[in-house]
Every structure is written in structure tokens, then in C-alpha cells.
Amino acid sequence: MLKIEYVKTADLIPYANNPRKNDAAVDKVVESIREFGFKNPIIVDGNNEIIAGHTRLKAAEKLGMEEVPTIKAEDLTPEQVKAFRIADNKTHEFAEWDMDLLREELDGINLFTGFNEDEIEDLMTQYHIDFDEFDGEGDGGGSYVSSGNKVRVVIGALMFDINDDDHAIYGKTKNADADVVKAQIMDLINKGELL
């Protein structure tokens, strides 16, 4: 069973060889602690040397906290401690956001989430490609038209043309594969190749 023990920040020992550069994250962790309290204990060994939680310690010191919650991981071997330090920082890199669910969760939240205002604005701007008026005549009346060797796409207030020299996009749309085309265009947008 895990036991949380409050330890003075002055008694905690940062690991000298910590390979994670965390200074840029400290202010975000400070905001998180201010908003929600110190909810994620620092993990230490039997000598109070930090295994995981260097950024949290720096944030606590910046906030003037005299003690913080810790969990002692005295069951780990020295090799496991080193491996855990790395794994704790590395494993989050394998996770990805479900952008639709993230937008849904962010909607209406006015508290600290770790995202800045510009990031939230970008996330909340849902790209929508409207095929309703497509007629292939290039009349500009719809949101997705083809004219010559280009395909015009309108997303909200944005409008741009995509080269379609071989008429592959036009052909797919003409053959009612609009969902396929939309998915391809969205993929290009998400990769930053169109916007």
C-alpha cells in the first residue's frame, strides 16, 4: 500500500544526473498547483533523493511551499530507480490526443488546463469542408468546387486552391467519394501542408 508522507522541500535531494530539462515547464506546474493543489506526490528513494518529480519540486519552491507530499519507493533496486526516472518522462510521449474529444472537454472550461489561449483557440477552430454546393462547374457558389487543374476548398472564412493536375480529387468527388476526399484534405490540413 502506498503511503503519502509530507517532507520538507529543503530535505528533498534533486538527482544530480537528471537528464530531463524541465525549467520551461515549471511555470505551468506552478499554475496547476495554484489551481488544483499539490495532487501528484514526488517519488523519492529512502534517502529522499528524487526519482520522479523534479519539476514539481521546483514549482513548490517557487510557490514558497515548505513541505510537499512524497511517496517513498524503497522497493526498487538502483537499476530500477534509474530506469523508472527515464520511463516516467518517456512514456507520455506515446500518448496522442483524440482531438474531437479534447475539443469537447475544453469547451466551456475557464480554468488552467496547460494549454495557452492561442492553443485553445486553434483547437476550438474546427475545420469543416462543406460539399453541399459542389457542382463541378467552378462557379464559386459552393464550398468545394473544381475549375481547370485546381480544386477550391473553403473552410469557414479560409479559402484556398489545391493543385489537381490529374483531376484525381475532382474525379473522386464527381464519383461521390466526397468522404474520401474530405479525409485526404483534412489529413493535409492536420499535417500543416495546406494552412
N, C-alpha and C. Protein backbone atom coordinates (compact mmCIF):
# COMPACT_ATOMS: atom_id res chain seq x y z
N MET A 1 0.83 -1.18 0.00
CA MET A 1 0.00 0.00 0.00
C MET A 1 0.87 1.24 0.00
N LEU A 2 0.53 2.20 -0.86
CA LEU A 2 1.29 3.43 -0.94
C LEU A 2 1.00 4.32 0.26
N LYS A 3 2.05 4.91 0.78
CA LYS A 3 1.90 5.81 1.92
C LYS A 3 2.43 7.19 1.52
N ILE A 4 1.58 8.19 1.67
CA ILE A 4 2.00 9.56 1.36
C ILE A 4 2.56 10.20 2.62
N GLU A 5 3.75 10.74 2.48
CA GLU A 5 4.42 11.37 3.62
C GLU A 5 4.82 12.79 3.22
N TYR A 6 4.48 13.76 4.06
CA TYR A 6 4.86 15.15 3.78
C TYR A 6 6.30 15.36 4.24
N VAL A 7 7.11 15.89 3.33
CA VAL A 7 8.54 16.09 3.60
C VAL A 7 8.87 17.56 3.29
N LYS A 8 9.77 18.12 4.09
CA LYS A 8 10.19 19.50 3.84
C LYS A 8 10.91 19.59 2.50
N THR A 9 10.59 20.62 1.74
CA THR A 9 11.23 20.77 0.43
C THR A 9 12.75 20.88 0.58
N ALA A 10 13.20 21.46 1.66
CA ALA A 10 14.65 21.61 1.88
C ALA A 10 15.33 20.27 2.10
N ASP A 11 14.55 19.24 2.48
CA ASP A 11 15.14 17.91 2.73
C ASP A 11 15.14 17.02 1.49
N LEU A 12 14.52 17.47 0.41
CA LEU A 12 14.49 16.67 -0.81
C LEU A 12 15.75 16.93 -1.64
N ILE A 13 16.29 15.87 -2.21
CA ILE A 13 17.55 15.96 -2.94
C ILE A 13 17.30 15.71 -4.43
N PRO A 14 17.46 16.74 -5.27
CA PRO A 14 17.33 16.51 -6.71
C PRO A 14 18.42 15.54 -7.19
N TYR A 15 18.06 14.69 -8.14
CA TYR A 15 19.02 13.74 -8.70
C TYR A 15 20.00 14.51 -9.59
N ALA A 16 21.28 14.43 -9.29
CA ALA A 16 22.29 15.23 -9.99
C ALA A 16 22.36 14.94 -11.48
N ASN A 17 22.09 13.70 -11.88
CA ASN A 17 22.19 13.33 -13.29
C ASN A 17 20.84 13.32 -14.01
N ASN A 18 19.88 14.05 -13.48
CA ASN A 18 18.57 14.08 -14.12
C ASN A 18 18.70 14.55 -15.57
N PRO A 19 18.37 13.69 -16.54
CA PRO A 19 18.55 14.07 -17.95
C PRO A 19 17.43 14.93 -18.51
N ARG A 20 16.37 15.12 -17.73
CA ARG A 20 15.22 15.87 -18.22
C ARG A 20 15.40 17.36 -17.93
N LYS A 21 15.35 18.18 -18.97
CA LYS A 21 15.44 19.63 -18.81
C LYS A 21 14.02 20.14 -18.61
N ASN A 22 13.73 20.61 -17.43
CA ASN A 22 12.33 20.90 -17.09
C ASN A 22 12.04 22.35 -16.75
N ASP A 23 13.01 23.23 -16.87
CA ASP A 23 12.79 24.62 -16.45
C ASP A 23 11.62 25.28 -17.18
N ALA A 24 11.43 24.96 -18.45
CA ALA A 24 10.36 25.59 -19.23
C ALA A 24 8.97 25.16 -18.76
N ALA A 25 8.89 24.05 -18.03
CA ALA A 25 7.60 23.54 -17.57
C ALA A 25 7.23 24.00 -16.17
N VAL A 26 8.16 24.60 -15.46
CA VAL A 26 7.94 24.94 -14.05
C VAL A 26 6.75 25.88 -13.87
N ASP A 27 6.67 26.94 -14.68
CA ASP A 27 5.57 27.90 -14.51
C ASP A 27 4.21 27.26 -14.75
N LYS A 28 4.14 26.31 -15.69
CA LYS A 28 2.87 25.60 -15.93
C LYS A 28 2.49 24.75 -14.73
N VAL A 29 3.47 24.12 -14.11
CA VAL A 29 3.20 23.30 -12.93
C VAL A 29 2.81 24.20 -11.76
N VAL A 30 3.42 25.36 -11.67
CA VAL A 30 3.03 26.34 -10.64
C VAL A 30 1.55 26.68 -10.81
N GLU A 31 1.13 26.97 -12.05
CA GLU A 31 -0.28 27.30 -12.31
C GLU A 31 -1.18 26.14 -11.93
N SER A 32 -0.75 24.93 -12.25
CA SER A 32 -1.55 23.75 -11.94
C SER A 32 -1.72 23.59 -10.43
N ILE A 33 -0.64 23.76 -9.68
CA ILE A 33 -0.71 23.63 -8.22
C ILE A 33 -1.59 24.73 -7.63
N ARG A 34 -1.47 25.93 -8.16
CA ARG A 34 -2.34 27.02 -7.68
C ARG A 34 -3.81 26.70 -7.92
N GLU A 35 -4.10 26.13 -9.06
CA GLU A 35 -5.48 25.86 -9.45
C GLU A 35 -6.07 24.67 -8.70
N PHE A 36 -5.28 23.59 -8.57
CA PHE A 36 -5.84 22.34 -8.07
C PHE A 36 -5.23 21.84 -6.77
N GLY A 37 -4.16 22.48 -6.30
CA GLY A 37 -3.44 21.97 -5.14
C GLY A 37 -2.37 21.00 -5.59
N PHE A 38 -1.58 20.55 -4.64
CA PHE A 38 -0.47 19.63 -4.95
C PHE A 38 -1.03 18.21 -4.91
N LYS A 39 -1.47 17.70 -6.06
CA LYS A 39 -2.18 16.42 -6.13
C LYS A 39 -1.32 15.26 -6.61
N ASN A 40 -0.10 15.53 -7.03
CA ASN A 40 0.75 14.49 -7.59
C ASN A 40 2.04 14.40 -6.77
N PRO A 41 2.11 13.45 -5.83
CA PRO A 41 3.27 13.39 -4.93
C PRO A 41 4.59 13.18 -5.67
N ILE A 42 5.65 13.67 -5.07
CA ILE A 42 7.01 13.45 -5.57
C ILE A 42 7.45 12.06 -5.11
N ILE A 43 8.05 11.32 -6.02
CA ILE A 43 8.52 9.97 -5.68
C ILE A 43 10.00 10.06 -5.33
N VAL A 44 10.35 9.52 -4.17
CA VAL A 44 11.73 9.60 -3.67
C VAL A 44 12.21 8.21 -3.26
N ASP A 45 13.54 8.09 -3.12
CA ASP A 45 14.09 6.85 -2.58
C ASP A 45 14.20 6.98 -1.06
N GLY A 46 14.82 6.03 -0.43
CA GLY A 46 14.93 6.01 1.03
C GLY A 46 15.73 7.15 1.61
N ASN A 47 16.53 7.81 0.76
CA ASN A 47 17.35 8.94 1.21
C ASN A 47 16.75 10.29 0.83
N ASN A 48 15.51 10.27 0.37
CA ASN A 48 14.81 11.48 -0.10
C ASN A 48 15.40 12.06 -1.37
N GLU A 49 16.14 11.25 -2.12
CA GLU A 49 16.60 11.69 -3.44
C GLU A 49 15.45 11.47 -4.42
N ILE A 50 15.20 12.46 -5.24
CA ILE A 50 14.04 12.41 -6.13
C ILE A 50 14.23 11.38 -7.24
N ILE A 51 13.21 10.55 -7.40
CA ILE A 51 13.14 9.62 -8.52
C ILE A 51 12.29 10.25 -9.62
N ALA A 52 11.14 10.77 -9.25
CA ALA A 52 10.25 11.44 -10.21
C ALA A 52 9.59 12.62 -9.51
N GLY A 53 9.67 13.78 -10.14
CA GLY A 53 9.01 14.94 -9.55
C GLY A 53 9.91 16.17 -9.42
N HIS A 54 10.99 16.23 -10.20
CA HIS A 54 11.88 17.38 -10.13
C HIS A 54 11.16 18.69 -10.47
N THR A 55 10.30 18.65 -11.48
CA THR A 55 9.58 19.86 -11.87
C THR A 55 8.62 20.29 -10.77
N ARG A 56 7.96 19.31 -10.15
CA ARG A 56 7.04 19.63 -9.06
C ARG A 56 7.78 20.27 -7.88
N LEU A 57 8.98 19.79 -7.60
CA LEU A 57 9.77 20.39 -6.51
C LEU A 57 10.11 21.84 -6.85
N LYS A 58 10.56 22.09 -8.07
CA LYS A 58 10.90 23.46 -8.46
C LYS A 58 9.67 24.37 -8.36
N ALA A 59 8.52 23.85 -8.77
CA ALA A 59 7.28 24.63 -8.69
C ALA A 59 6.92 24.91 -7.24
N ALA A 60 7.06 23.90 -6.39
CA ALA A 60 6.75 24.06 -4.97
C ALA A 60 7.66 25.12 -4.35
N GLU A 61 8.95 25.08 -4.69
CA GLU A 61 9.89 26.07 -4.17
C GLU A 61 9.52 27.48 -4.66
N LYS A 62 9.11 27.57 -5.92
CA LYS A 62 8.72 28.86 -6.47
C LYS A 62 7.50 29.42 -5.76
N LEU A 63 6.63 28.53 -5.31
CA LEU A 63 5.42 28.93 -4.58
C LEU A 63 5.69 29.16 -3.10
N GLY A 64 6.91 28.87 -2.66
CA GLY A 64 7.25 29.05 -1.25
C GLY A 64 6.71 27.97 -0.34
N MET A 65 6.39 26.81 -0.90
CA MET A 65 5.88 25.71 -0.08
C MET A 65 7.01 25.14 0.76
N GLU A 66 6.72 24.90 2.01
CA GLU A 66 7.75 24.39 2.91
C GLU A 66 7.80 22.88 2.93
N GLU A 67 6.69 22.23 2.58
CA GLU A 67 6.68 20.77 2.52
C GLU A 67 5.74 20.32 1.42
N VAL A 68 6.00 19.12 0.91
CA VAL A 68 5.22 18.58 -0.20
C VAL A 68 4.95 17.10 0.06
N PRO A 69 3.89 16.55 -0.56
CA PRO A 69 3.63 15.12 -0.41
C PRO A 69 4.63 14.30 -1.21
N THR A 70 5.06 13.22 -0.61
CA THR A 70 6.01 12.31 -1.28
C THR A 70 5.55 10.88 -1.11
N ILE A 71 6.06 10.04 -1.98
CA ILE A 71 5.90 8.59 -1.86
C ILE A 71 7.30 8.00 -1.91
N LYS A 72 7.62 7.19 -0.92
CA LYS A 72 8.94 6.53 -0.90
C LYS A 72 8.86 5.24 -1.70
N ALA A 73 9.77 5.08 -2.64
CA ALA A 73 9.83 3.86 -3.45
C ALA A 73 11.07 3.08 -3.05
N GLU A 74 11.03 2.56 -1.84
CA GLU A 74 12.20 1.86 -1.29
C GLU A 74 12.30 0.42 -1.78
N ASP A 75 11.29 -0.03 -2.53
CA ASP A 75 11.29 -1.40 -3.02
C ASP A 75 12.06 -1.57 -4.32
N LEU A 76 12.51 -0.46 -4.92
CA LEU A 76 13.18 -0.54 -6.21
C LEU A 76 14.69 -0.70 -6.06
N THR A 77 15.27 -1.49 -6.96
CA THR A 77 16.73 -1.63 -6.99
C THR A 77 17.31 -0.36 -7.61
N PRO A 78 18.62 -0.11 -7.42
CA PRO A 78 19.23 1.06 -8.05
C PRO A 78 19.02 1.10 -9.57
N GLU A 79 19.07 -0.05 -10.22
CA GLU A 79 18.84 -0.09 -11.67
C GLU A 79 17.40 0.27 -12.01
N GLN A 80 16.46 -0.23 -11.21
CA GLN A 80 15.05 0.09 -11.43
C GLN A 80 14.79 1.58 -11.22
N VAL A 81 15.45 2.17 -10.23
CA VAL A 81 15.28 3.60 -9.98
C VAL A 81 15.71 4.40 -11.21
N LYS A 82 16.87 4.06 -11.77
CA LYS A 82 17.36 4.78 -12.96
C LYS A 82 16.41 4.59 -14.13
N ALA A 83 15.96 3.36 -14.31
CA ALA A 83 15.05 3.07 -15.42
C ALA A 83 13.72 3.79 -15.23
N PHE A 84 13.21 3.81 -13.99
CA PHE A 84 11.94 4.46 -13.72
C PHE A 84 12.01 5.96 -13.98
N ARG A 85 13.13 6.58 -13.61
CA ARG A 85 13.31 8.01 -13.87
C ARG A 85 13.13 8.32 -15.35
N ILE A 86 13.72 7.47 -16.18
CA ILE A 86 13.63 7.68 -17.63
C ILE A 86 12.22 7.35 -18.13
N ALA A 87 11.70 6.21 -17.71
CA ALA A 87 10.38 5.77 -18.18
C ALA A 87 9.29 6.77 -17.79
N ASP A 88 9.39 7.34 -16.59
CA ASP A 88 8.37 8.28 -16.12
C ASP A 88 8.28 9.49 -17.05
N ASN A 89 9.41 9.90 -17.61
CA ASN A 89 9.41 11.03 -18.53
C ASN A 89 9.15 10.64 -19.97
N LYS A 90 9.49 9.42 -20.33
CA LYS A 90 9.39 9.00 -21.73
C LYS A 90 8.00 8.48 -22.11
N THR A 91 7.34 7.77 -21.22
CA THR A 91 6.12 7.05 -21.61
C THR A 91 5.00 7.96 -22.08
N HIS A 92 4.93 9.19 -21.58
CA HIS A 92 3.84 10.09 -22.02
C HIS A 92 3.95 10.44 -23.49
N GLU A 93 5.16 10.29 -24.07
CA GLU A 93 5.35 10.64 -25.48
C GLU A 93 4.60 9.70 -26.42
N PHE A 94 4.18 8.55 -25.93
CA PHE A 94 3.49 7.59 -26.78
C PHE A 94 1.99 7.84 -26.84
N ALA A 95 1.50 8.72 -26.00
CA ALA A 95 0.06 9.02 -25.98
C ALA A 95 -0.25 10.09 -27.02
N GLU A 96 -1.46 10.05 -27.55
CA GLU A 96 -1.91 11.05 -28.50
C GLU A 96 -3.26 11.59 -28.05
N TRP A 97 -3.60 12.78 -28.52
CA TRP A 97 -4.89 13.37 -28.22
C TRP A 97 -5.92 12.91 -29.23
N ASP A 98 -7.11 12.61 -28.76
CA ASP A 98 -8.28 12.49 -29.63
C ASP A 98 -8.81 13.91 -29.73
N MET A 99 -8.57 14.56 -30.88
CA MET A 99 -8.83 15.99 -30.99
C MET A 99 -10.31 16.33 -30.81
N ASP A 100 -11.20 15.48 -31.30
CA ASP A 100 -12.63 15.76 -31.13
C ASP A 100 -13.02 15.72 -29.65
N LEU A 101 -12.54 14.69 -28.93
CA LEU A 101 -12.86 14.59 -27.51
C LEU A 101 -12.18 15.71 -26.71
N LEU A 102 -10.97 16.08 -27.12
CA LEU A 102 -10.27 17.17 -26.43
C LEU A 102 -11.05 18.47 -26.59
N ARG A 103 -11.51 18.76 -27.81
CA ARG A 103 -12.31 19.97 -28.03
C ARG A 103 -13.55 19.95 -27.15
N GLU A 104 -14.18 18.78 -27.09
CA GLU A 104 -15.40 18.64 -26.27
C GLU A 104 -15.10 18.91 -24.80
N GLU A 105 -13.98 18.38 -24.31
CA GLU A 105 -13.62 18.57 -22.91
C GLU A 105 -13.22 20.01 -22.61
N LEU A 106 -12.55 20.67 -23.55
CA LEU A 106 -12.10 22.04 -23.33
C LEU A 106 -13.24 23.05 -23.42
N ASP A 107 -14.30 22.69 -24.12
CA ASP A 107 -15.39 23.62 -24.35
C ASP A 107 -16.01 24.06 -23.02
N GLY A 108 -15.99 25.34 -22.76
CA GLY A 108 -16.61 25.89 -21.56
C GLY A 108 -15.72 25.90 -20.33
N ILE A 109 -14.51 25.36 -20.42
CA ILE A 109 -13.61 25.37 -19.26
C ILE A 109 -12.86 26.70 -19.24
N ASN A 110 -12.88 27.37 -18.10
CA ASN A 110 -12.15 28.62 -17.95
C ASN A 110 -11.06 28.50 -16.90
N LEU A 111 -10.65 27.28 -16.60
CA LEU A 111 -9.60 27.02 -15.62
C LEU A 111 -8.32 26.62 -16.33
N PHE A 112 -7.24 26.54 -15.58
CA PHE A 112 -5.95 26.14 -16.13
C PHE A 112 -6.02 24.70 -16.65
N THR A 113 -5.56 24.50 -17.89
CA THR A 113 -5.51 23.15 -18.46
C THR A 113 -4.12 22.80 -18.97
N GLY A 114 -3.22 23.77 -18.98
CA GLY A 114 -1.91 23.56 -19.57
C GLY A 114 -1.82 24.11 -20.98
N PHE A 115 -2.97 24.33 -21.62
CA PHE A 115 -3.00 24.93 -22.95
C PHE A 115 -3.11 26.44 -22.80
N ASN A 116 -2.34 27.18 -23.62
CA ASN A 116 -2.49 28.63 -23.58
C ASN A 116 -3.66 29.06 -24.46
N GLU A 117 -4.01 30.35 -24.42
CA GLU A 117 -5.19 30.84 -25.13
C GLU A 117 -5.12 30.60 -26.62
N ASP A 118 -3.94 30.82 -27.22
CA ASP A 118 -3.80 30.61 -28.66
C ASP A 118 -3.99 29.15 -29.02
N GLU A 119 -3.43 28.26 -28.21
CA GLU A 119 -3.59 26.82 -28.48
C GLU A 119 -5.06 26.41 -28.39
N ILE A 120 -5.75 26.93 -27.39
CA ILE A 120 -7.17 26.60 -27.23
C ILE A 120 -7.97 27.14 -28.41
N GLU A 121 -7.67 28.36 -28.83
CA GLU A 121 -8.38 28.94 -29.98
C GLU A 121 -8.16 28.08 -31.22
N ASP A 122 -6.91 27.65 -31.45
CA ASP A 122 -6.62 26.79 -32.60
C ASP A 122 -7.37 25.47 -32.50
N LEU A 123 -7.38 24.90 -31.30
CA LEU A 123 -8.06 23.62 -31.11
C LEU A 123 -9.56 23.73 -31.32
N MET A 124 -10.13 24.85 -30.88
CA MET A 124 -11.57 25.00 -30.96
C MET A 124 -12.05 25.40 -32.35
N THR A 125 -11.11 25.77 -33.22
CA THR A 125 -11.48 26.08 -34.60
C THR A 125 -11.57 24.77 -35.36
N GLN A 126 -12.77 24.30 -35.52
CA GLN A 126 -12.97 23.03 -36.21
C GLN A 126 -13.00 23.27 -37.70
N TYR A 127 -12.13 22.58 -38.40
CA TYR A 127 -12.14 22.67 -39.85
C TYR A 127 -13.35 21.92 -40.39
N HIS A 128 -14.08 22.61 -41.22
CA HIS A 128 -15.26 21.97 -41.80
C HIS A 128 -15.25 22.23 -43.30
N ILE A 129 -15.31 21.21 -44.07
CA ILE A 129 -15.37 21.33 -45.52
C ILE A 129 -16.77 20.97 -45.95
N ASP A 130 -17.43 21.93 -46.58
CA ASP A 130 -18.83 21.75 -46.96
C ASP A 130 -18.93 21.36 -48.43
N PHE A 131 -19.48 20.20 -48.70
CA PHE A 131 -19.60 19.72 -50.07
C PHE A 131 -21.00 19.97 -50.65
N ASP A 132 -21.86 20.58 -49.88
CA ASP A 132 -23.27 20.66 -50.28
C ASP A 132 -23.49 21.30 -51.64
N GLU A 133 -22.70 22.33 -51.95
CA GLU A 133 -22.94 23.07 -53.18
C GLU A 133 -22.05 22.63 -54.32
N PHE A 134 -21.33 21.56 -54.15
CA PHE A 134 -20.40 21.13 -55.20
C PHE A 134 -21.15 20.76 -56.47
N ASP A 135 -20.77 21.41 -57.58
CA ASP A 135 -21.37 21.03 -58.85
C ASP A 135 -20.33 20.83 -59.94
N GLY A 136 -19.05 21.04 -59.60
CA GLY A 136 -18.00 20.77 -60.57
C GLY A 136 -17.85 21.84 -61.63
N GLU A 137 -18.63 22.91 -61.53
CA GLU A 137 -18.59 23.93 -62.58
C GLU A 137 -17.66 25.10 -62.25
N GLY A 138 -17.14 25.12 -61.04
CA GLY A 138 -16.22 26.20 -60.68
C GLY A 138 -16.89 27.55 -60.59
N ASP A 139 -18.15 27.57 -60.17
CA ASP A 139 -18.88 28.84 -60.13
C ASP A 139 -18.66 29.64 -58.86
N GLY A 140 -17.94 29.07 -57.92
CA GLY A 140 -17.62 29.81 -56.70
C GLY A 140 -18.76 29.88 -55.72
N GLY A 141 -19.89 29.30 -56.05
CA GLY A 141 -21.04 29.40 -55.17
C GLY A 141 -21.02 28.40 -54.03
N GLY A 142 -20.18 27.42 -54.14
CA GLY A 142 -20.15 26.39 -53.11
C GLY A 142 -18.86 26.42 -52.34
N SER A 143 -18.75 25.49 -51.42
CA SER A 143 -17.56 25.45 -50.59
C SER A 143 -16.48 24.54 -51.16
N TYR A 144 -16.80 23.80 -52.18
CA TYR A 144 -15.81 22.90 -52.75
C TYR A 144 -16.09 22.81 -54.23
N VAL A 145 -15.30 23.50 -55.06
CA VAL A 145 -15.55 23.50 -56.50
C VAL A 145 -14.27 23.17 -57.25
N SER A 146 -14.43 22.71 -58.46
CA SER A 146 -13.29 22.37 -59.27
C SER A 146 -13.31 23.22 -60.53
N SER A 147 -12.16 23.75 -60.88
CA SER A 147 -12.08 24.54 -62.10
C SER A 147 -10.70 24.33 -62.69
N GLY A 148 -10.65 23.81 -63.89
CA GLY A 148 -9.36 23.57 -64.52
C GLY A 148 -8.56 22.54 -63.76
N ASN A 149 -7.34 22.92 -63.38
CA ASN A 149 -6.47 21.96 -62.70
C ASN A 149 -6.36 22.24 -61.21
N LYS A 150 -7.32 22.95 -60.64
CA LYS A 150 -7.31 23.24 -59.21
C LYS A 150 -8.64 22.86 -58.58
N VAL A 151 -8.58 22.57 -57.29
CA VAL A 151 -9.79 22.35 -56.50
C VAL A 151 -9.82 23.43 -55.44
N ARG A 152 -10.94 24.13 -55.32
CA ARG A 152 -11.07 25.19 -54.33
C ARG A 152 -11.75 24.63 -53.08
N VAL A 153 -11.17 24.93 -51.94
CA VAL A 153 -11.72 24.48 -50.67
C VAL A 153 -11.96 25.70 -49.80
N VAL A 154 -13.14 25.80 -49.22
CA VAL A 154 -13.46 26.88 -48.30
C VAL A 154 -13.75 26.26 -46.94
N ILE A 155 -13.02 26.74 -45.94
CA ILE A 155 -13.21 26.26 -44.58
C ILE A 155 -13.49 27.48 -43.73
N GLY A 156 -14.72 27.68 -43.35
CA GLY A 156 -15.07 28.88 -42.61
C GLY A 156 -14.74 30.11 -43.45
N ALA A 157 -13.88 30.98 -42.91
CA ALA A 157 -13.51 32.19 -43.64
C ALA A 157 -12.28 31.97 -44.52
N LEU A 158 -11.71 30.78 -44.50
CA LEU A 158 -10.50 30.50 -45.26
C LEU A 158 -10.86 29.90 -46.62
N MET A 159 -10.13 30.31 -47.65
CA MET A 159 -10.33 29.74 -48.96
C MET A 159 -8.97 29.50 -49.59
N PHE A 160 -8.77 28.36 -50.18
CA PHE A 160 -7.51 28.10 -50.86
C PHE A 160 -7.75 27.08 -51.96
N ASP A 161 -6.82 27.05 -52.90
CA ASP A 161 -6.90 26.12 -54.03
C ASP A 161 -5.84 25.04 -53.87
N ILE A 162 -6.21 23.85 -54.24
CA ILE A 162 -5.28 22.71 -54.21
C ILE A 162 -5.03 22.30 -55.65
N ASN A 163 -3.77 22.14 -56.02
CA ASN A 163 -3.45 21.66 -57.36
C ASN A 163 -4.04 20.28 -57.57
N ASP A 164 -4.67 20.10 -58.70
CA ASP A 164 -5.29 18.82 -59.05
C ASP A 164 -5.06 18.56 -60.53
N ASP A 165 -3.76 18.58 -60.89
CA ASP A 165 -3.39 18.48 -62.30
C ASP A 165 -3.96 17.26 -63.00
N ASP A 166 -4.01 16.15 -62.29
CA ASP A 166 -4.51 14.93 -62.94
C ASP A 166 -6.00 14.70 -62.67
N HIS A 167 -6.65 15.70 -62.07
CA HIS A 167 -8.09 15.65 -61.77
C HIS A 167 -8.48 14.49 -60.85
N ALA A 168 -7.53 14.03 -60.05
CA ALA A 168 -7.81 12.91 -59.15
C ALA A 168 -8.81 13.31 -58.08
N ILE A 169 -8.63 14.50 -57.51
CA ILE A 169 -9.56 14.94 -56.46
C ILE A 169 -10.94 15.18 -57.07
N TYR A 170 -10.96 15.87 -58.22
CA TYR A 170 -12.23 16.14 -58.89
C TYR A 170 -12.93 14.83 -59.25
N GLY A 171 -12.15 13.90 -59.77
CA GLY A 171 -12.74 12.63 -60.18
C GLY A 171 -13.35 11.88 -59.02
N LYS A 172 -12.67 11.87 -57.88
CA LYS A 172 -13.20 11.17 -56.71
C LYS A 172 -14.48 11.83 -56.22
N THR A 173 -14.49 13.16 -56.24
CA THR A 173 -15.68 13.86 -55.78
C THR A 173 -16.84 13.64 -56.74
N LYS A 174 -16.54 13.71 -58.05
CA LYS A 174 -17.57 13.51 -59.07
C LYS A 174 -18.19 12.12 -58.93
N ASN A 175 -17.36 11.17 -58.46
CA ASN A 175 -17.84 9.80 -58.28
C ASN A 175 -18.40 9.57 -56.88
N ALA A 176 -18.75 10.66 -56.20
CA ALA A 176 -19.43 10.61 -54.90
C ALA A 176 -18.56 10.05 -53.79
N ASP A 177 -17.23 10.16 -53.94
CA ASP A 177 -16.32 9.75 -52.87
C ASP A 177 -15.93 10.97 -52.04
N ALA A 178 -16.89 11.82 -51.75
CA ALA A 178 -16.60 13.06 -51.03
C ALA A 178 -15.96 12.80 -49.68
N ASP A 179 -16.39 11.75 -48.98
CA ASP A 179 -15.81 11.47 -47.66
C ASP A 179 -14.32 11.15 -47.77
N VAL A 180 -13.95 10.44 -48.83
CA VAL A 180 -12.54 10.11 -49.04
C VAL A 180 -11.75 11.38 -49.29
N VAL A 181 -12.27 12.23 -50.15
CA VAL A 181 -11.59 13.48 -50.46
C VAL A 181 -11.47 14.36 -49.22
N LYS A 182 -12.57 14.47 -48.48
CA LYS A 182 -12.55 15.28 -47.26
C LYS A 182 -11.49 14.75 -46.30
N ALA A 183 -11.42 13.44 -46.13
CA ALA A 183 -10.42 12.84 -45.23
C ALA A 183 -9.01 13.17 -45.69
N GLN A 184 -8.78 13.13 -47.01
CA GLN A 184 -7.45 13.45 -47.53
C GLN A 184 -7.10 14.91 -47.28
N ILE A 185 -8.08 15.79 -47.52
CA ILE A 185 -7.83 17.21 -47.31
C ILE A 185 -7.60 17.50 -45.83
N MET A 186 -8.40 16.89 -44.97
CA MET A 186 -8.21 17.09 -43.52
C MET A 186 -6.84 16.59 -43.08
N ASP A 187 -6.38 15.50 -43.68
CA ASP A 187 -5.06 14.97 -43.34
C ASP A 187 -3.98 15.97 -43.72
N LEU A 188 -4.11 16.58 -44.88
CA LEU A 188 -3.14 17.59 -45.30
C LEU A 188 -3.18 18.80 -44.38
N ILE A 189 -4.38 19.21 -43.98
CA ILE A 189 -4.52 20.35 -43.05
C ILE A 189 -3.85 20.02 -41.72
N ASN A 190 -4.14 18.83 -41.19
CA ASN A 190 -3.58 18.45 -39.88
C ASN A 190 -2.07 18.32 -39.92
N LYS A 191 -1.52 18.02 -41.09
CA LYS A 191 -0.06 17.94 -41.24
C LYS A 191 0.54 19.32 -41.46
N GLY A 192 -0.33 20.34 -41.58
CA GLY A 192 0.16 21.70 -41.79
C GLY A 192 0.57 21.97 -43.22
N GLU A 193 0.15 21.13 -44.16
CA GLU A 193 0.59 21.29 -45.54
C GLU A 193 -0.31 22.23 -46.34
N LEU A 194 -1.47 22.57 -45.79
CA LEU A 194 -2.37 23.47 -46.52
C LEU A 194 -2.53 24.81 -45.83
N LEU A 195 -2.49 24.83 -44.50
CA LEU A 195 -2.72 26.09 -43.78
C LEU A 195 -1.44 26.56 -43.13
